Protein backbone atom coordinates (compact mmCIF):
# COMPACT_ATOMS: atom_id res chain seq x y z
CA MET A 1 163.98 38.73 96.62
CA TYR A 2 164.66 42.38 96.37
CA LYS A 3 168.40 43.03 96.35
CA TYR A 4 168.30 46.81 97.01
CA HIS A 5 168.01 48.73 100.34
CA VAL A 6 165.38 51.36 100.08
CA LYS A 7 164.49 53.67 103.16
CA GLU A 8 161.35 55.62 102.85
CA TYR A 9 161.16 58.88 104.66
CA THR A 10 158.34 61.15 105.75
CA LYS A 11 158.45 64.76 104.94
CA ARG A 12 158.89 65.44 108.63
CA GLU A 13 162.01 63.29 108.85
CA VAL A 14 163.70 64.71 105.88
CA GLU A 15 163.10 68.18 107.30
CA GLU A 16 164.40 67.01 110.71
CA LEU A 17 167.54 65.43 109.12
CA LEU A 18 168.27 68.77 107.51
CA ARG A 19 167.66 70.75 110.46
CA GLN A 20 170.00 68.53 112.65
CA GLN A 21 172.69 69.22 110.00
CA GLY A 22 172.35 73.13 110.25
CA PHE A 23 169.83 73.65 107.46
CA GLU A 24 166.87 76.18 107.55
CA ILE A 25 163.88 74.89 105.76
CA MET A 26 162.71 77.25 103.12
CA ILE A 27 160.19 75.19 101.28
CA SER A 28 158.82 71.60 101.93
CA ARG A 29 156.34 69.83 100.02
CA TYR A 30 155.32 66.56 98.36
CA SER A 31 155.41 66.73 94.62
CA GLU A 32 153.11 64.95 92.22
CA VAL A 33 155.49 65.19 89.21
CA TYR A 34 156.81 61.73 89.41
CA ASP A 35 153.31 60.20 90.11
CA ARG A 36 152.23 61.28 86.70
CA THR A 37 154.96 59.61 85.02
CA LEU A 38 154.97 56.14 86.46
CA LEU A 39 153.10 54.79 83.67
CA LYS A 40 154.17 51.70 81.77
CA PRO A 41 154.95 52.17 77.90
CA SER A 42 154.83 49.42 75.45
CA THR A 43 157.08 51.01 72.83
CA GLU A 44 160.03 53.34 72.61
CA ASN A 45 157.65 56.02 71.32
CA GLN A 46 155.40 55.84 74.20
CA LEU A 47 158.37 56.10 76.38
CA LYS A 48 159.17 59.31 74.83
CA GLU A 49 155.69 60.53 75.66
CA LEU A 50 156.17 60.33 79.39
CA PRO A 51 157.74 63.64 79.89
CA ASN A 52 154.80 65.25 78.28
CA ILE A 53 152.08 64.04 80.54
CA ASP A 54 150.90 67.11 82.36
CA SER A 55 147.51 66.31 83.68
CA TYR A 56 145.20 63.57 84.72
CA ILE A 57 143.61 63.72 81.27
CA ASP A 58 146.74 63.14 79.77
CA MET A 59 147.34 60.08 81.95
CA ILE A 60 143.92 58.80 81.08
CA LYS A 61 144.63 59.26 77.39
CA PHE A 62 147.90 57.40 77.71
CA MET A 63 146.29 54.59 79.36
CA LEU A 64 143.64 54.21 76.85
CA ARG A 65 146.29 54.12 74.05
CA ASN A 66 148.45 51.72 76.23
CA PRO A 67 146.07 49.65 78.25
CA ASN A 68 147.75 47.50 80.99
CA ARG A 69 147.20 46.82 84.66
CA ILE A 70 149.93 49.21 85.75
CA ASN A 71 148.58 52.05 83.82
CA LEU A 72 144.98 51.25 84.99
CA LEU A 73 146.19 51.30 88.56
CA ARG A 74 147.95 54.62 88.16
CA VAL A 75 144.94 56.21 86.72
CA VAL A 76 142.67 54.83 89.33
CA THR A 77 144.88 55.71 92.22
CA TYR A 78 145.95 59.18 91.03
CA PRO A 79 142.88 61.10 92.37
CA VAL A 80 143.59 59.56 95.88
CA ILE A 81 147.32 60.61 95.57
CA LYS A 82 146.01 64.08 94.75
CA LEU A 83 143.93 64.21 97.95
CA VAL A 84 146.41 62.72 100.32
CA PRO A 85 149.65 64.43 99.52
CA SER A 86 151.66 62.15 101.94
CA LEU A 87 151.00 59.19 99.63
CA ARG A 88 152.97 60.84 96.86
CA THR A 89 156.33 59.35 95.79
CA THR A 90 158.68 62.56 95.87
CA ILE A 91 159.48 65.05 98.68
CA VAL A 92 160.96 68.35 97.72
CA VAL A 93 162.87 70.41 100.08
CA VAL A 94 164.67 73.54 99.50
CA ALA A 95 166.95 74.43 102.37
CA ARG A 96 169.69 76.97 103.22
CA LYS A 97 172.70 76.08 105.38
CA THR A 98 172.71 78.39 108.47
CA ALA A 99 174.86 76.71 111.02
CA VAL A 100 178.00 74.62 111.16
CA VAL A 101 177.20 71.34 113.03
CA ASP A 102 179.77 69.02 114.76
CA SER A 103 179.94 66.01 112.22
CA THR A 104 181.46 63.72 114.86
CA LYS A 105 178.35 64.09 117.07
CA LYS A 106 175.99 60.88 117.03
CA ILE A 107 172.65 61.57 115.58
CA VAL A 108 169.66 59.41 116.84
CA ARG A 109 167.11 59.39 114.28
CA TRP A 110 164.74 56.67 115.22
CA GLY A 111 163.86 56.11 118.91
């Protein structure tokens, strides 16, 4: 049984939460950075390689040096993640505080 609570947000939900707290959205996008590093290393040296994976070709090379089911899955699914940004694991938002919001007001997030 998974013991941690995880809430997954859409980009629109993150933007709305920030707006409700008085922020102006300046940049909002899905990032693929984390998707490239979700490979499974077998050794300490391979773990150190992960930050240097900058492209799909690097992912394939890593998988060929370190074949396992997770790495194969990541290499196969990455092109789909590139085509459908909402499938990416990370949302990046840059926002600026522009208004003071009454923090005692109840916020309804999900209907």
